[in-house]
C-alpha atoms as a PDB file:
ATOM      1  CA  UNK A   1     230.107  46.774  17.463  1.00  0.00           C
ATOM      2  CA  UNK A   2     228.322  43.169  16.960  1.00  0.00           C
ATOM      3  CA  UNK A   3     229.205  40.973  14.563  1.00  0.00           C
ATOM      4  CA  UNK A   4     225.719  40.590  12.932  1.00  0.00           C
ATOM      5  CA  UNK A   5     226.472  44.753  11.908  1.00  0.00           C
ATOM      6  CA  UNK A   6     230.060  44.554  11.409  1.00  0.00           C
ATOM      7  CA  UNK A   7     229.314  41.813   8.425  1.00  0.00           C
ATOM      8  CA  UNK A   8     226.662  44.167   7.033  1.00  0.00           C
ATOM      9  CA  UNK A   9     229.510  46.759   7.138  1.00  0.00           C
ATOM     10  CA  UNK A  10     232.403  44.977   5.263  1.00  0.00           C
ATOM     11  CA  UNK A  11     229.725  43.445   3.039  1.00  0.00           C
ATOM     12  CA  UNK A  12     228.887  47.379   1.904  1.00  0.00           C
ATOM     13  CA  UNK A  13     232.847  47.725   1.781  1.00  0.00           C
ATOM     14  CA  UNK A  14     233.276  44.701  -0.847  1.00  0.00           C
ATOM     15  CA  UNK A  15     230.252  45.978  -2.994  1.00  0.00           C
ATOM     16  CA  UNK A  16     232.238  49.093  -3.625  1.00  0.00           C
ATOM     17  CA  UNK A  17     234.852  46.993  -5.530  1.00  0.00           C
ATOM     18  CA  UNK A  18     234.334  44.962  -8.899  1.00  0.00           C
ATOM     19  CA  UNK A  19     235.563  41.382  -8.955  1.00  0.00           C
ATOM     20  CA  UNK A  20     238.320  42.185 -11.104  1.00  0.00           C
ATOM     21  CA  UNK A  21     239.476  44.706  -8.471  1.00  0.00           C
ATOM     22  CA  UNK A  22     238.797  41.766  -5.840  1.00  0.00           C
ATOM     23  CA  UNK A  23     240.672  39.729  -7.847  1.00  0.00           C
ATOM     24  CA  UNK A  24     243.752  42.011  -8.461  1.00  0.00           C
ATOM     25  CA  UNK A  25     243.717  42.465  -4.759  1.00  0.00           C
ATOM     26  CA  UNK A  26     244.343  38.811  -4.416  1.00  0.00           C
ATOM     27  CA  UNK A  27     247.145  38.827  -6.485  1.00  0.00           C
ATOM     28  CA  UNK A  28     249.593  40.129  -4.199  1.00  0.00           C
ATOM     29  CA  UNK A  29     248.221  37.886  -0.934  1.00  0.00           C
ATOM     30  CA  UNK A  30     248.848  35.042  -3.628  1.00  0.00           C
ATOM     31  CA  UNK A  31     252.464  36.043  -3.661  1.00  0.00           C
ATOM     32  CA  UNK A  32     252.806  36.717  -0.183  1.00  0.00           C
ATOM     33  CA  UNK A  33     251.731  33.378   0.577  1.00  0.00           C
ATOM     34  CA  UNK A  34     253.925  31.410  -2.096  1.00  0.00           C
ATOM     35  CA  UNK A  35     257.074  33.242  -0.763  1.00  0.00           C
ATOM     36  CA  UNK A  36     256.072  32.396   3.186  1.00  0.00           C
ATOM     37  CA  UNK A  37     258.458  30.184   4.282  1.00  0.00           C
ATOM     38  CA  UNK A  38     255.678  27.941   6.488  1.00  0.00           C
ATOM     39  CA  UNK A  39     253.229  27.297   3.532  1.00  0.00           C
ATOM     40  CA  UNK A  40     256.835  26.388   1.527  1.00  0.00           C
ATOM     41  CA  UNK A  41     257.819  23.703   4.572  1.00  0.00           C
ATOM     42  CA  UNK A  42     253.695  22.439   4.831  1.00  0.00           C
ATOM     43  CA  UNK A  43     253.093  19.198   3.125  1.00  0.00           C
ATOM     44  CA  UNK A  44     249.568  19.230   3.918  1.00  0.00           C
ATOM     45  CA  UNK A  45     247.396  22.648   3.204  1.00  0.00           C
ATOM     46  CA  UNK A  46     243.993  22.823   4.261  1.00  0.00           C
ATOM     47  CA  UNK A  47     242.711  25.432   1.834  1.00  0.00           C
ATOM     48  CA  UNK A  48     239.448  26.399   0.492  1.00  0.00           C
ATOM     49  CA  UNK A  49     237.583  27.205  -2.821  1.00  0.00           C
ATOM     50  CA  UNK A  50     237.171  31.000  -2.551  1.00  0.00           C
ATOM     51  CA  UNK A  51     233.727  32.471  -3.571  1.00  0.00           C
ATOM     52  CA  UNK A  52     233.185  35.729  -5.465  1.00  0.00           C
ATOM     53  CA  UNK A  53     233.704  38.103  -2.761  1.00  0.00           C
ATOM     54  CA  UNK A  54     236.702  36.100  -0.857  1.00  0.00           C
ATOM     55  CA  UNK A  55     240.261  36.638  -1.412  1.00  0.00           C
ATOM     56  CA  UNK A  56     240.294  34.388  -4.908  1.00  0.00           C
ATOM     57  CA  UNK A  57     242.428  31.344  -4.083  1.00  0.00           C
ATOM     58  CA  UNK A  58     241.828  29.115  -7.302  1.00  0.00           C
ATOM     59  CA  UNK A  59     245.470  29.400  -8.864  1.00  0.00           C
ATOM     60  CA  UNK A  60     246.789  29.483  -5.105  1.00  0.00           C
ATOM     61  CA  UNK A  61     244.944  25.652  -5.097  1.00  0.00           C
ATOM     62  CA  UNK A  62     246.223  24.509  -8.801  1.00  0.00           C
ATOM     63  CA  UNK A  63     249.589  26.075  -8.126  1.00  0.00           C
ATOM     64  CA  UNK A  64     250.497  24.223  -4.711  1.00  0.00           C
ATOM     65  CA  UNK A  65     248.830  21.067  -5.811  1.00  0.00           C
ATOM     66  CA  UNK A  66     251.424  21.238  -9.111  1.00  0.00           C
ATOM     67  CA  UNK A  67     254.119  22.202  -6.235  1.00  0.00           C
ATOM     68  CA  UNK A  68     253.544  18.627  -4.664  1.00  0.00           C
ATOM     69  CA  UNK A  69     251.817  20.194  -1.330  1.00  0.00           C
ATOM     70  CA  UNK A  70     248.743  17.853  -0.194  1.00  0.00           C
ATOM     71  CA  UNK A  71     245.990  20.035  -0.843  1.00  0.00           C
ATOM     72  CA  UNK A  72     242.840  19.674   1.143  1.00  0.00           C
ATOM     73  CA  UNK A  73     239.383  21.649   0.422  1.00  0.00           C
ATOM     74  CA  UNK A  74     236.404  21.455   2.531  1.00  0.00           C
ATOM     75  CA  UNK A  75     233.090  20.637   1.448  1.00  0.00           C
ATOM     76  CA  UNK A  76     229.348  21.385   3.208  1.00  0.00           C
ATOM     77  CA  UNK A  77     228.110  17.902   4.601  1.00  0.00           C
ATOM     78  CA  UNK A  78     225.461  19.348   6.954  1.00  0.00           C
ATOM     79  CA  UNK A  79     223.959  22.251   8.617  1.00  0.00           C
ATOM     80  CA  UNK A  80     227.025  22.614  11.086  1.00  0.00           C
ATOM     81  CA  UNK A  81     229.856  20.295   9.733  1.00  0.00           C
ATOM     82  CA  UNK A  82     232.628  20.229   6.726  1.00  0.00           C
ATOM     83  CA  UNK A  83     233.909  17.216   5.362  1.00  0.00           C
ATOM     84  CA  UNK A  84     237.611  17.229   3.990  1.00  0.00           C
ATOM     85  CA  UNK A  85     238.965  16.164   1.198  1.00  0.00           C
ATOM     86  CA  UNK A  86     241.804  15.612  -1.194  1.00  0.00           C
ATOM     87  CA  UNK A  87     242.021  18.036  -4.340  1.00  0.00           C
ATOM     88  CA  UNK A  88     243.158  16.322  -7.324  1.00  0.00           C
ATOM     89  CA  UNK A  89     242.200  18.744 -10.379  1.00  0.00           C
ATOM     90  CA  UNK A  90     239.102  21.548 -11.015  1.00  0.00           C
ATOM     91  CA  UNK A  91     236.688  18.533 -12.625  1.00  0.00           C
ATOM     92  CA  UNK A  92     237.008  16.815  -9.362  1.00  0.00           C
ATOM     93  CA  UNK A  93     234.914  20.328  -8.342  1.00  0.00           C
ATOM     94  CA  UNK A  94     231.149  20.593  -8.407  1.00  0.00           C
ATOM     95  CA  UNK A  95     229.037  23.492  -7.353  1.00  0.00           C
ATOM     96  CA  UNK A  96     227.570  22.942  -3.726  1.00  0.00           C
ATOM     97  CA  UNK A  97     226.026  24.474  -0.741  1.00  0.00           C
ATOM     98  CA  UNK A  98     226.128  28.411  -1.373  1.00  0.00           C
ATOM     99  CA  UNK A  99     226.769  27.787  -5.082  1.00  0.00           C
ATOM    100  CA  UNK A 100     230.358  27.300  -3.755  1.00  0.00           C
ATOM    101  CA  UNK A 101     232.802  24.794  -5.820  1.00  0.00           C
ATOM    102  CA  UNK A 102     233.430  22.360  -3.985  1.00  0.00           C
ATOM    103  CA  UNK A 103     235.335  18.600  -4.451  1.00  0.00           C
ATOM    104  CA  UNK A 104     233.849  15.358  -5.449  1.00  0.00           C
ATOM    105  CA  UNK A 105     236.310  13.262  -4.101  1.00  0.00           C
ATOM    106  CA  UNK A 106     235.472  10.964  -1.310  1.00  0.00           C
ATOM    107  CA  UNK A 107     235.956  12.358   1.992  1.00  0.00           C
ATOM    108  CA  UNK A 108     238.513  11.752   3.896  1.00  0.00           C
ATOM    109  CA  UNK A 109     238.023   9.986   7.060  1.00  0.00           C
ATOM    110  CA  UNK A 110     238.800  11.773  10.641  1.00  0.00           C
ATOM    111  CA  UNK A 111     241.890   9.089  10.846  1.00  0.00           C
ATOM    112  CA  UNK A 112     243.081  10.333   7.835  1.00  0.00           C
ATOM    113  CA  UNK A 113     242.520  14.029   8.310  1.00  0.00           C
ATOM    114  CA  UNK A 114     244.522  13.631  11.665  1.00  0.00           C
ATOM    115  CA  UNK A 115     247.511  11.758  10.034  1.00  0.00           C
ATOM    116  CA  UNK A 116     247.463  14.434   7.064  1.00  0.00           C
ATOM    117  CA  UNK A 117     246.893  17.491   9.288  1.00  0.00           C
ATOM    118  CA  UNK A 118     249.433  16.655  11.948  1.00  0.00           C
ATOM    119  CA  UNK A 119     252.446  16.767   9.176  1.00  0.00           C
ATOM    120  CA  UNK A 120     253.429  20.030   8.919  1.00  0.00           C
ATOM    121  CA  UNK A 121     250.120  20.913   7.938  1.00  0.00           C
ATOM    122  CA  UNK A 122     248.890  24.458   7.260  1.00  0.00           C
ATOM    123  CA  UNK A 123     245.230  25.967   7.426  1.00  0.00           C
ATOM    124  CA  UNK A 124     244.457  29.148   4.954  1.00  0.00           C
ATOM    125  CA  UNK A 125     241.108  30.396   6.358  1.00  0.00           C
ATOM    126  CA  UNK A 126     238.719  32.848   5.333  1.00  0.00           C
ATOM    127  CA  UNK A 127     237.185  35.318   7.123  1.00  0.00           C
ATOM    128  CA  UNK A 128     234.997  38.136   6.986  1.00  0.00           C
ATOM    129  CA  UNK A 129     237.043  40.454   9.090  1.00  0.00           C
ATOM    130  CA  UNK A 130     240.138  39.781  11.305  1.00  0.00           C
ATOM    131  CA  UNK A 131     242.158  42.245  13.976  1.00  0.00           C
ATOM    132  CA  UNK A 132     245.883  42.225  14.481  1.00  0.00           C
ATOM    133  CA  UNK A 133     245.398  39.524  17.149  1.00  0.00           C
ATOM    134  CA  UNK A 134     244.506  37.006  15.112  1.00  0.00           C
ATOM    135  CA  UNK A 135     240.570  36.969  16.072  1.00  0.00           C
ATOM    136  CA  UNK A 136     238.786  35.872  13.221  1.00  0.00           C
ATOM    137  CA  UNK A 137     234.850  36.894  12.509  1.00  0.00           C
ATOM    138  CA  UNK A 138     233.402  34.224  10.194  1.00  0.00           C
ATOM    139  CA  UNK A 139     229.767  34.243   8.084  1.00  0.00           C
ATOM    140  CA  UNK A 140     228.091  32.757  11.405  1.00  0.00           C
ATOM    141  CA  UNK A 141     227.742  29.604  10.934  1.00  0.00           C
ATOM    142  CA  UNK A 142     231.038  28.434  12.930  1.00  0.00           C
ATOM    143  CA  UNK A 143     232.014  25.895  10.271  1.00  0.00           C
ATOM    144  CA  UNK A 144     235.355  26.465  10.255  1.00  0.00           C
ATOM    145  CA  UNK A 145     235.627  26.979  14.241  1.00  0.00           C
ATOM    146  CA  UNK A 146     234.281  23.261  15.134  1.00  0.00           C
ATOM    147  CA  UNK A 147     236.482  21.987  12.222  1.00  0.00           C
ATOM    148  CA  UNK A 148     239.887  23.718  13.454  1.00  0.00           C
ATOM    149  CA  UNK A 149     239.125  22.449  17.185  1.00  0.00           C
ATOM    150  CA  UNK A 150     239.261  19.128  15.660  1.00  0.00           C
ATOM    151  CA  UNK A 151     242.720  20.008  14.522  1.00  0.00           C
ATOM    152  CA  UNK A 152     243.964  22.404  17.398  1.00  0.00           C
ATOM    153  CA  UNK A 153     248.104  22.030  16.423  1.00  0.00           C
ATOM    154  CA  UNK A 154     247.478  23.293  13.127  1.00  0.00           C
ATOM    155  CA  UNK A 155     249.445  26.325  12.290  1.00  0.00           C
ATOM    156  CA  UNK A 156     246.291  28.499  10.941  1.00  0.00           C
ATOM    157  CA  UNK A 157     246.935  31.468   8.544  1.00  0.00           C
ATOM    158  CA  UNK A 158     243.671  33.875   7.816  1.00  0.00           C
ATOM    159  CA  UNK A 159     243.456  35.501   4.195  1.00  0.00           C
ATOM    160  CA  UNK A 160     241.748  38.947   3.762  1.00  0.00           C
ATOM    161  CA  UNK A 161     241.928  41.744   2.048  1.00  0.00           C
ATOM    162  CA  UNK A 162     243.299  44.973   3.653  1.00  0.00           C
ATOM    163  CA  UNK A 163     240.146  46.622   4.273  1.00  0.00           C
ATOM    164  CA  UNK A 164     238.873  43.558   6.202  1.00  0.00           C
ATOM    165  CA  UNK A 165     241.775  43.743   8.624  1.00  0.00           C
ATOM    166  CA  UNK A 166     240.805  45.758  11.530  1.00  0.00           C
ATOM    167  CA  UNK A 167     241.972  47.011  15.187  1.00  0.00           C
ATOM    168  CA  UNK A 168     239.677  44.487  16.877  1.00  0.00           C
ATOM    169  CA  UNK A 169     236.789  42.206  16.221  1.00  0.00           C
ATOM    170  CA  UNK A 170     234.043  41.147  18.248  1.00  0.00           C
ATOM    171  CA  UNK A 171     235.096  37.086  19.333  1.00  0.00           C
ATOM    172  CA  UNK A 172     233.601  34.034  21.698  1.00  0.00           C
ATOM    173  CA  UNK A 173     235.277  31.755  23.895  1.00  0.00           C
ATOM    174  CA  UNK A 174     234.863  29.467  20.815  1.00  0.00           C
ATOM    175  CA  UNK A 175     236.038  31.060  18.169  1.00  0.00           C
ATOM    176  CA  UNK A 176     239.574  30.027  17.150  1.00  0.00           C
ATOM    177  CA  UNK A 177     242.193  32.387  16.789  1.00  0.00           C
ATOM    178  CA  UNK A 178     244.632  32.532  13.780  1.00  0.00           C
ATOM    179  CA  UNK A 179     248.591  32.241  14.250  1.00  0.00           C
ATOM    180  CA  UNK A 180     248.953  34.724  11.361  1.00  0.00           C
ATOM    181  CA  UNK A 181     247.232  37.359   9.345  1.00  0.00           C
ATOM    182  CA  UNK A 182     248.342  37.819   5.716  1.00  0.00           C
ATOM    183  CA  UNK A 183     246.244  40.853   3.813  1.00  0.00           C
ATOM    184  CA  UNK A 184     248.551  41.373   1.612  1.00  0.00           C
ATOM    185  CA  UNK A 185     249.180  45.022   2.478  1.00  0.00           C
ATOM    186  CA  UNK A 186     250.420  43.958   5.961  1.00  0.00           C
ATOM    187  CA  UNK A 187     250.732  41.195   8.019  1.00  0.00           C
ATOM    188  CA  UNK A 188     249.719  40.413  11.554  1.00  0.00           C
ATOM    189  CA  UNK A 189     251.058  38.086  14.067  1.00  0.00           C
ATOM    190  CA  UNK A 190     249.307  37.251  17.308  1.00  0.00           C
END
């Protein structure tokens, strides 16, 4: 199956759930991440502020920040690029590209990002679908693939709902592979 068709199929699956059901499914993923030894050991965590149809990360962002992890969030800065910002509080978020709440704090420089992301750092990454080998199907713009290639040593955890975890997803050589995928019900390592 090609990427475009699979994205449409996953969108249909998501539409079968209410926002409340998706938030409820998110809670087991949230719990699994909070108990994860790699997450707990991380000093810096690159996360994302979720959209309504994604695993809800809002409470996770707040909780990890309250546990004194350095939480970083991306912001869309162009058609091809994300910048990275420190999460300080919800008051420093405003609607950005695609209606996503994004940080308004100043972007970190490449040097600052490299310093933070080289110190016991992980990235928690959204996706449309994942497979048991860690391949990720994104929304099709390549934002995360470009961003994560700049920080190759970072441990990457994809998160998704159970119905987004598939036996295989189509991928290309430029697609960044996750080190692990957490779906709440089952966990897949490469």
